[in-house]
Amino acid sequence: TGATINVAETMQVGPNLADRYAQYAIPRNLDRAEMPVAQAASALGPAGLVGAAVYRRPVGVVACITSYNFPLVNVAGKLAPALAMGNTCIIKPAPQDPLGVLLLGRAVEEAGFPPGVVNILTSAGTEVPAALVRSPDVNMISFTGSSAVGARIMADGAPSMTRTLMELGGKGALVMTDDADVGKAVGAIASVWGFHSGQICTAPTRVICHRSKVDELVGSLTAVAGMLKVGNATERDTLVGPLVSEQQRDSVEAFIRGGVEAGATLVCGGERPDLPGYFVVPTLLADCTAEMHVVREEAFGPVIVVLAHDDDDEAVALANDSEYGLFSYVYSADNARALWIAQQIQSGNVALNSVVPHPEAPFGGFKRSGIGRDRGVAGLEAYTEVQAISWQA
């Protein structure tokens, strides 16, 4: 999938995966259908809710359609909250890497889940997921993948009003102010190259750097790119593995060529290494402008683009000049300034001087990056329907 052995062991399986399930575990018997949801006092109801009760019911049958880049973690992020809220699930893993999910099915059986609570369907084509989306017996689709496929799922499910939770593509903006710590930002940006070879929707691939810092940033990133070993993903010293398929490699290379043809400067990378597999070496494009295709669309590969800005307002405008809004980043020595910029960015998630999301915070996107939220309380409520029962006082 592009994950090196080190990334796979630390991020895909082991404690990280177990934590995703443990996060939603309920340590006591609790019939949520019997407990009304507390309604806080508000301007609409100063005494809270009187003469009615609100319940959250399970949606029913949830189809979890996942992407190839996090085959087990993506499933955990859907399966755990859906089960915790009383639903049954059908898992449809990506066709590129279904084996880990099939092993998960064996673990589900060994854990004693009743037959039919967790189901796994695999397929190489689109027939199976299309049937799930159109089935009147499926109450909800929880999907992680591209924005184009997400839009198609929503259209196909519209006649039956199938509920959807969409975690879709991104073109992560990383804003660097004139007082930003370049070294710290470089570490975050370079993670695009070494983490799944850029095949991650939250990656900070679109760097919006203050003009006074551009030369230092580009020089530092170029130096880092030269130190990253590209090669066999099973070797411990490999930092950049292959892309998932020939088709994906060719697509990424087309993005790079298009950027250069549009006027971007190819600082490093862009070539195909003499290695067995579908590799693209870490690539950096400078002197980019907002209208370039490589700036506007998700390449899903080890490609970083750099745009210059002259002040915070221009940086915000560039960050928001996108159809995506999944995850953005702000690097500044002034925390108040960083927070102000973050609040202006049209993005479901913004990290300040960091690339690490909070595990209990809602996760999801604005615009073409999705609908609904995973994680935390919002991630539980996403797998429920709200029912109000009222009576005459």
Foldseek 3Di string as FASTA:
>chain_A
DWAFPVCCVPCQDDPNLVVLQVVLDDPDDDDQQVDFDFFDADPVHNVGDPQKTKGWAFLEEEEEEEEDQRQRSSCSLQVRLNVSRPYAYEYEYAQLDCPVVVVVVVVCVVVPDPPRRYHYDYDHDCPVVLCLLQDLNHQEYEYEEALVVVVVSCVNNVVSPRHYWYQHAAAAEEEEDPAFDLVLVLVQQQVCCQGSQNQDRQRNQEYAYAPVCVVVNLVVNVVVLVVAAEADSHDPRHRTYAHSDQVLLVLLLVLVVQQVVVPWDWSDWSDDDPYPHRHGRQTETEPGDLVGPSNADRSSHNYHYYHHDHDLVVSQVSQQSYQWAFEYEYGHPDPVVRVVSVVSHQHPYYYYSDSDDDQQDWGFTPGSSTDFTTHHPSNNSSRIDMDMDGDDD
